[in-house]
C-alpha atoms as a PDB file:
ATOM      1  CA  GLU A   1     -24.149   8.323   4.910  1.00  0.00           C
ATOM      2  CA  PHE A   2     -22.663  10.021   8.000  1.00  0.00           C
ATOM      3  CA  GLY A   3     -26.018  11.645   8.687  1.00  0.00           C
ATOM      4  CA  ARG A   4     -27.749   8.263   8.562  1.00  0.00           C
ATOM      5  CA  HIS A   5     -25.624   7.243  11.541  1.00  0.00           C
ATOM      6  CA  ASN A   6     -26.364  10.510  13.375  1.00  0.00           C
ATOM      7  CA  ILE A   7     -22.756  11.681  13.165  1.00  0.00           C
ATOM      8  CA  ASP A   8     -22.520  15.408  13.902  1.00  0.00           C
ATOM      9  CA  ASN A   9     -21.238  17.508  10.992  1.00  0.00           C
ATOM     10  CA  LEU A  10     -18.751  19.146  13.356  1.00  0.00           C
ATOM     11  CA  LEU A  11     -16.942  15.842  13.814  1.00  0.00           C
ATOM     12  CA  PHE A  12     -15.742  15.540  10.233  1.00  0.00           C
ATOM     13  CA  LYS A  13     -14.867  17.552   7.151  1.00  0.00           C
ATOM     14  CA  ILE A  14     -14.915  16.458   3.515  1.00  0.00           C
ATOM     15  CA  GLU A  15     -12.660  18.257   1.027  1.00  0.00           C
ATOM     16  CA  VAL A  16     -12.024  17.740  -2.673  1.00  0.00           C
ATOM     17  CA  GLU A  17      -8.388  18.583  -3.387  1.00  0.00           C
ATOM     18  CA  ASN A  18      -8.981  19.878  -6.910  1.00  0.00           C
ATOM     19  CA  THR A  19     -12.409  21.229  -7.898  1.00  0.00           C
ATOM     20  CA  LYS A  20     -11.379  22.409 -11.363  1.00  0.00           C
ATOM     21  CA  ILE A  21     -11.667  20.380 -14.543  1.00  0.00           C
ATOM     22  CA  SER A  22      -8.194  18.960 -15.106  1.00  0.00           C
ATOM     23  CA  ASP A  23      -6.222  15.876 -16.059  1.00  0.00           C
ATOM     24  CA  GLN A  24      -5.107  15.271 -12.462  1.00  0.00           C
ATOM     25  CA  ASP A  25      -4.975  11.565 -11.738  1.00  0.00           C
ATOM     26  CA  PRO A  26      -5.846  10.410  -9.201  1.00  0.00           C
ATOM     27  CA  GLU A  27      -8.429  12.860  -7.915  1.00  0.00           C
ATOM     28  CA  ILE A  28      -8.230  13.012  -4.115  1.00  0.00           C
ATOM     29  CA  ILE A  29     -11.032  13.383  -1.572  1.00  0.00           C
ATOM     30  CA  LYS A  30      -9.942  14.104   2.014  1.00  0.00           C
ATOM     31  CA  ILE A  31     -12.100  13.125   4.976  1.00  0.00           C
ATOM     32  CA  THR A  32     -10.738  14.649   8.188  1.00  0.00           C
ATOM     33  CA  TYR A  33     -12.292  13.467  11.451  1.00  0.00           C
ATOM     34  CA  GLN A  34     -12.098  13.978  15.199  1.00  0.00           C
ATOM     35  CA  SER A  35     -10.757  10.892  16.928  1.00  0.00           C
ATOM     36  CA  THR A  36     -11.535   9.568  20.394  1.00  0.00           C
ATOM     37  CA  PHE A  37      -7.880   8.541  20.679  1.00  0.00           C
ATOM     38  CA  ASP A  38      -4.795  10.664  21.240  1.00  0.00           C
ATOM     39  CA  GLU A  39      -3.178  11.840  18.031  1.00  0.00           C
ATOM     40  CA  LEU A  40      -0.341   9.668  16.730  1.00  0.00           C
ATOM     41  CA  SER A  41       2.596  11.110  14.818  1.00  0.00           C
ATOM     42  CA  TYR A  42       2.510   8.391  12.149  1.00  0.00           C
ATOM     43  CA  ILE A  43      -1.248   8.197  11.602  1.00  0.00           C
ATOM     44  CA  SER A  44      -3.110  11.287  10.431  1.00  0.00           C
ATOM     45  CA  ARG A  45      -6.711  11.857  11.470  1.00  0.00           C
ATOM     46  CA  ARG A  46      -7.912  11.655   7.913  1.00  0.00           C
ATOM     47  CA  VAL A  47      -8.857   9.235   5.181  1.00  0.00           C
ATOM     48  CA  LEU A  48      -7.723   9.808   1.595  1.00  0.00           C
ATOM     49  CA  ILE A  49      -9.934   8.483  -1.181  1.00  0.00           C
ATOM     50  CA  GLU A  50      -8.067   8.370  -4.486  1.00  0.00           C
ATOM     51  CA  ILE A  51     -10.126   8.084  -7.662  1.00  0.00           C
ATOM     52  CA  GLY A  52      -8.048   7.432 -10.762  1.00  0.00           C
ATOM     53  CA  ALA A  53      -8.312   6.127 -14.292  1.00  0.00           C
ATOM     54  CA  ARG A  54      -4.751   4.868 -14.780  1.00  0.00           C
ATOM     55  CA  SER A  55      -4.709   1.973 -12.327  1.00  0.00           C
ATOM     56  CA  LEU A  56      -4.488  -1.606 -13.552  1.00  0.00           C
ATOM     57  CA  LEU A  57      -7.743  -3.194 -12.356  1.00  0.00           C
ATOM     58  CA  GLU A  58      -7.166  -6.834 -13.232  1.00  0.00           C
ATOM     59  CA  PRO A  59      -6.704  -9.489 -12.046  1.00  0.00           C
ATOM     60  CA  SER A  60      -9.237  -8.966  -9.268  1.00  0.00           C
ATOM     61  CA  GLU A  61     -11.872 -10.808  -7.271  1.00  0.00           C
ATOM     62  CA  GLY A  62     -14.816 -10.036  -4.998  1.00  0.00           C
ATOM     63  CA  LYS A  63     -14.162 -10.305  -1.264  1.00  0.00           C
ATOM     64  CA  GLU A  64     -16.565 -10.055   1.654  1.00  0.00           C
ATOM     65  CA  ILE A  65     -15.679  -7.152   3.940  1.00  0.00           C
ATOM     66  CA  LYS A  66     -16.665  -6.671   7.573  1.00  0.00           C
ATOM     67  CA  SER A  67     -15.123  -4.259  10.070  1.00  0.00           C
ATOM     68  CA  ILE A  68     -13.408  -5.405  13.268  1.00  0.00           C
ATOM     69  CA  ILE A  69     -16.064  -3.507  15.249  1.00  0.00           C
ATOM     70  CA  ASP A  70     -18.846  -5.402  13.475  1.00  0.00           C
ATOM     71  CA  GLU A  71     -17.121  -8.719  14.160  1.00  0.00           C
ATOM     72  CA  ASN A  72     -16.817  -8.016  17.874  1.00  0.00           C
ATOM     73  CA  TYR A  73     -20.143  -6.244  18.428  1.00  0.00           C
ATOM     74  CA  HIS A  74     -22.323  -8.114  15.948  1.00  0.00           C
ATOM     75  CA  GLU A  75     -25.464  -7.803  18.107  1.00  0.00           C
ATOM     76  CA  SER A  76     -25.223  -4.020  18.539  1.00  0.00           C
ATOM     77  CA  SER A  77     -27.582  -1.576  16.833  1.00  0.00           C
ATOM     78  CA  PHE A  78     -24.748   0.139  14.950  1.00  0.00           C
ATOM     79  CA  THR A  79     -23.509  -3.066  13.331  1.00  0.00           C
ATOM     80  CA  GLU A  80     -23.384  -3.020   9.521  1.00  0.00           C
ATOM     81  CA  LYS A  81     -23.923  -5.991   7.235  1.00  0.00           C
ATOM     82  CA  SER A  82     -20.911  -7.369   5.402  1.00  0.00           C
ATOM     83  CA  PHE A  83     -20.542  -6.374   1.761  1.00  0.00           C
ATOM     84  CA  ILE A  84     -18.579  -7.428  -1.314  1.00  0.00           C
ATOM     85  CA  VAL A  85     -15.674  -5.315  -2.573  1.00  0.00           C
ATOM     86  CA  LYS A  86     -13.701  -5.781  -5.770  1.00  0.00           C
ATOM     87  CA  THR A  87     -10.091  -6.316  -4.676  1.00  0.00           C
ATOM     88  CA  ASN A  88      -6.732  -6.913  -6.327  1.00  0.00           C
ATOM     89  CA  LEU A  89      -5.329 -10.416  -6.148  1.00  0.00           C
ATOM     90  CA  PRO A  90      -2.513 -10.638  -3.563  1.00  0.00           C
ATOM     91  CA  GLU A  91      -0.139 -11.794  -6.322  1.00  0.00           C
ATOM     92  CA  LYS A  92      -0.683  -8.518  -8.166  1.00  0.00           C
ATOM     93  CA  THR A  93      -0.215  -6.418  -5.027  1.00  0.00           C
ATOM     94  CA  PHE A  94       2.984  -8.323  -4.225  1.00  0.00           C
ATOM     95  CA  LEU A  95       4.540  -7.762  -7.658  1.00  0.00           C
ATOM     96  CA  GLU A  96       3.419  -4.126  -7.811  1.00  0.00           C
ATOM     97  CA  LYS A  97       5.100  -3.381  -4.488  1.00  0.00           C
ATOM     98  CA  MET A  98       8.329  -5.018  -5.632  1.00  0.00           C
ATOM     99  CA  ILE A  99       8.281  -2.981  -8.836  1.00  0.00           C
ATOM    100  CA  LEU A 100       7.400   0.204  -6.921  1.00  0.00           C
ATOM    101  CA  LEU A 101      10.449  -0.187  -4.666  1.00  0.00           C
ATOM    102  CA  HIS A 102      12.676  -0.928  -7.658  1.00  0.00           C
ATOM    103  CA  GLU A 103      11.393   2.269  -9.299  1.00  0.00           C
ATOM    104  CA  GLU A 104      12.053   4.228  -6.113  1.00  0.00           C
ATOM    105  CA  PHE A 105      15.602   2.976  -5.695  1.00  0.00           C
ATOM    106  CA  SER A 106      16.357   3.652  -9.362  1.00  0.00           C
ATOM    107  CA  LYS A 107      15.867   7.386  -8.808  1.00  0.00           C
ATOM    108  CA  PRO A 108      18.724   9.810  -8.123  1.00  0.00           C
ATOM    109  CA  LYS A 109      19.618   9.590  -4.443  1.00  0.00           C
ATOM    110  CA  GLU A 110      18.287  13.065  -3.690  1.00  0.00           C
ATOM    111  CA  LYS A 111      14.827  12.016  -4.898  1.00  0.00           C
ATOM    112  CA  ILE A 112      14.515   8.683  -3.072  1.00  0.00           C
ATOM    113  CA  ARG A 113      11.684   8.712  -0.513  1.00  0.00           C
ATOM    114  CA  TYR A 114      11.668   6.877   2.807  1.00  0.00           C
ATOM    115  CA  HIS A 115       8.900   8.429   4.938  1.00  0.00           C
ATOM    116  CA  ARG A 116       5.950   5.987   5.062  1.00  0.00           C
ATOM    117  CA  MET A 117       7.707   3.755   2.520  1.00  0.00           C
ATOM    118  CA  SER A 118       8.779   0.866   4.778  1.00  0.00           C
ATOM    119  CA  ARG A 119       5.187  -0.425   4.725  1.00  0.00           C
ATOM    120  CA  HIS A 120       5.862  -1.821   1.260  1.00  0.00           C
ATOM    121  CA  LEU A 121       8.746  -3.903   2.618  1.00  0.00           C
ATOM    122  CA  TYR A 122       6.496  -5.120   5.433  1.00  0.00           C
ATOM    123  CA  ASP A 123       3.743  -6.118   3.000  1.00  0.00           C
ATOM    124  CA  ILE A 124       6.221  -7.971   0.784  1.00  0.00           C
ATOM    125  CA  GLY A 125       7.554  -9.792   3.842  1.00  0.00           C
ATOM    126  CA  GLN A 126       4.042 -10.817   4.856  1.00  0.00           C
ATOM    127  CA  ILE A 127       2.929 -12.035   1.429  1.00  0.00           C
ATOM    128  CA  ILE A 128       6.161 -13.864   0.588  1.00  0.00           C
ATOM    129  CA  SER A 129       5.453 -16.359   3.373  1.00  0.00           C
ATOM    130  CA  THR A 130       2.171 -17.394   1.749  1.00  0.00           C
ATOM    131  CA  GLU A 131       1.143 -19.302  -1.349  1.00  0.00           C
ATOM    132  CA  PHE A 132       0.289 -15.974  -2.982  1.00  0.00           C
ATOM    133  CA  GLY A 133       3.899 -14.826  -2.832  1.00  0.00           C
ATOM    134  CA  GLU A 134       5.190 -18.138  -4.116  1.00  0.00           C
ATOM    135  CA  ARG A 135       2.760 -18.067  -7.041  1.00  0.00           C
ATOM    136  CA  ALA A 136       3.581 -14.442  -7.844  1.00  0.00           C
ATOM    137  CA  LEU A 137       7.294 -15.160  -8.203  1.00  0.00           C
ATOM    138  CA  LYS A 138       6.456 -17.795 -10.823  1.00  0.00           C
ATOM    139  CA  ASN A 139       3.914 -15.681 -12.706  1.00  0.00           C
ATOM    140  CA  GLU A 140       6.005 -14.107 -15.455  1.00  0.00           C
ATOM    141  CA  SER A 141       2.951 -13.191 -17.551  1.00  0.00           C
ATOM    142  CA  LEU A 142       1.437 -11.144 -14.706  1.00  0.00           C
ATOM    143  CA  PHE A 143       4.795  -9.443 -14.123  1.00  0.00           C
ATOM    144  CA  GLN A 144       4.991  -8.478 -17.796  1.00  0.00           C
ATOM    145  CA  GLU A 145       1.403  -7.218 -17.775  1.00  0.00           C
ATOM    146  CA  ILE A 146       2.124  -4.969 -14.788  1.00  0.00           C
ATOM    147  CA  ILE A 147       5.342  -3.452 -16.152  1.00  0.00           C
ATOM    148  CA  LYS A 148       3.737  -2.890 -19.558  1.00  0.00           C
ATOM    149  CA  HIS A 149       0.924  -0.971 -17.853  1.00  0.00           C
ATOM    150  CA  ARG A 150       3.303   1.062 -15.663  1.00  0.00           C
ATOM    151  CA  ALA A 151       5.540   1.875 -18.636  1.00  0.00           C
ATOM    152  CA  LYS A 152       2.545   3.343 -20.447  1.00  0.00           C
ATOM    153  CA  TYR A 153       0.621   5.087 -17.671  1.00  0.00           C
ATOM    154  CA  THR A 154       2.940   5.779 -14.692  1.00  0.00           C
ATOM    155  CA  PRO A 155       6.539   5.578 -15.958  1.00  0.00           C
ATOM    156  CA  ILE A 156       9.585   6.633 -13.962  1.00  0.00           C
ATOM    157  CA  LYS A 157      12.199   8.213 -16.239  1.00  0.00           C
ATOM    158  CA  THR A 158      15.125   6.360 -14.681  1.00  0.00           C
ATOM    159  CA  VAL A 159      13.606   2.893 -15.282  1.00  0.00           C
ATOM    160  CA  ASN A 160      13.972   0.974 -18.546  1.00  0.00           C
ATOM    161  CA  TYR A 161      10.799  -1.096 -18.413  1.00  0.00           C
ATOM    162  CA  SER A 162      11.636  -3.069 -21.550  1.00  0.00           C
ATOM    163  CA  LYS A 163      14.600  -4.626 -19.753  1.00  0.00           C
ATOM    164  CA  LEU A 164      13.055  -5.236 -16.333  1.00  0.00           C
ATOM    165  CA  GLU A 165      13.418  -8.783 -15.040  1.00  0.00           C
ATOM    166  CA  LEU A 166      11.651 -10.176 -12.000  1.00  0.00           C
ATOM    167  CA  ASN A 167      14.787 -11.837 -10.666  1.00  0.00           C
ATOM    168  CA  LYS A 168      16.810  -8.619 -10.919  1.00  0.00           C
ATOM    169  CA  LEU A 169      14.569  -6.144  -9.127  1.00  0.00           C
ATOM    170  CA  LYS A 170      16.271  -4.011  -6.470  1.00  0.00           C
ATOM    171  CA  ILE A 171      13.843  -3.870  -3.566  1.00  0.00           C
ATOM    172  CA  ILE A 172      16.253  -3.513  -0.627  1.00  0.00           C
ATOM    173  CA  PRO A 173      16.989   0.119   0.341  1.00  0.00           C
ATOM    174  CA  PRO A 174      20.441   1.410  -0.668  1.00  0.00           C
ATOM    175  CA  ASP A 175      22.992   1.458   2.143  1.00  0.00           C
ATOM    176  CA  GLU A 176      22.638   5.233   2.457  1.00  0.00           C
ATOM    177  CA  PHE A 177      18.935   4.862   3.249  1.00  0.00           C
ATOM    178  CA  ILE A 178      18.876   1.778   5.467  1.00  0.00           C
ATOM    179  CA  ASP A 179      18.823   3.815   8.688  1.00  0.00           C
ATOM    180  CA  GLN A 180      15.954   6.016   7.477  1.00  0.00           C
ATOM    181  CA  TYR A 181      13.932   2.982   6.409  1.00  0.00           C
ATOM    182  CA  GLU A 182      14.578   1.263   9.725  1.00  0.00           C
ATOM    183  CA  LYS A 183      13.427   4.357  11.639  1.00  0.00           C
ATOM    184  CA  ASP A 184      10.305   4.646   9.482  1.00  0.00           C
ATOM    185  CA  TYR A 185       9.627   0.945  10.032  1.00  0.00           C
ATOM    186  CA  SER A 186       9.924   1.326  13.818  1.00  0.00           C
ATOM    187  CA  GLU A 187       7.439   4.207  13.800  1.00  0.00           C
ATOM    188  CA  MET A 188       5.035   2.215  11.643  1.00  0.00           C
ATOM    189  CA  GLN A 189       5.298  -0.816  13.945  1.00  0.00           C
ATOM    190  CA  GLU A 190       4.590   1.258  17.027  1.00  0.00           C
ATOM    191  CA  ASN A 191       1.497   2.887  15.548  1.00  0.00           C
ATOM    192  CA  MET A 192       0.010   0.381  13.117  1.00  0.00           C
ATOM    193  CA  ILE A 193       1.090  -3.203  13.803  1.00  0.00           C
ATOM    194  CA  TYR A 194      -0.424  -5.210  16.642  1.00  0.00           C
ATOM    195  CA  GLY A 195       0.338  -8.767  17.664  1.00  0.00           C
ATOM    196  CA  GLU A 196       3.591 -10.471  16.741  1.00  0.00           C
ATOM    197  CA  LYS A 197       6.166  -8.111  15.232  1.00  0.00           C
ATOM    198  CA  ILE A 198       9.277  -8.845  13.212  1.00  0.00           C
ATOM    199  CA  SER A 199      12.398  -6.693  13.545  1.00  0.00           C
ATOM    200  CA  PHE A 200      13.630  -4.677  10.578  1.00  0.00           C
ATOM    201  CA  ASN A 201      16.814  -6.737  10.191  1.00  0.00           C
ATOM    202  CA  LYS A 202      14.872 -10.003  10.250  1.00  0.00           C
ATOM    203  CA  LEU A 203      12.423  -8.597   7.709  1.00  0.00           C
ATOM    204  CA  ILE A 204      15.229  -7.661   5.307  1.00  0.00           C
ATOM    205  CA  ASN A 205      16.887 -11.066   5.713  1.00  0.00           C
ATOM    206  CA  LYS A 206      13.545 -12.786   5.167  1.00  0.00           C
ATOM    207  CA  ILE A 207      12.978 -10.906   1.906  1.00  0.00           C
ATOM    208  CA  LEU A 208      16.521 -11.625   0.729  1.00  0.00           C
ATOM    209  CA  SER A 209      16.190 -15.335   1.472  1.00  0.00           C
ATOM    210  CA  LYS A 210      12.772 -15.823  -0.110  1.00  0.00           C
ATOM    211  CA  THR A 211      12.969 -13.632  -3.225  1.00  0.00           C
ATOM    212  CA  PRO A 212      15.498 -13.495  -6.075  1.00  0.00           C
ATOM    213  CA  SER A 213      15.643  -9.723  -5.663  1.00  0.00           C
ATOM    214  CA  ARG A 214      18.492  -7.652  -4.305  1.00  0.00           C
END
């Protein structure tokens, strides 16, 4: 596909992380590329493609995808046609991110991650202001479906999935990690978010005011 667009082989490298037959899940393909922009500390010059068998695929829907370049240069020779991709419903993504953060903050303090983790808080803050977030918080059956799947395929030892309740999820970083999450959030904002930006404190207050979580 790169060759079809006359992209020189020296400009990219494709690596398969594990070439042996194994039960690794997901399998990871790394595409490293040379960028025309200066390197950013928060964004690596690579794309990771994860291929796994344990992910919950439903509910989903087909969505038309078109790149920003194609939208702005639609008459250029390099423009690609839009295409349909099977995507998760926003309600599912919203609940999965809430559960993921609850799982993270249920770990022993020495195992809690914060680098590149504030993006989940940002996504929750974005979705909660839409009809998708409102619907998700009322969708108990979807919540139960997700935790049942995670309990079976990707369980965290410190989480009792049989007793998880949507209105008791802990998705706000513990006090000991607030500063690290705020720093990570600032770095993410600087490198990845364009347009109107919300401060970390306002984001946390927004999540607290619009969700039953703690």
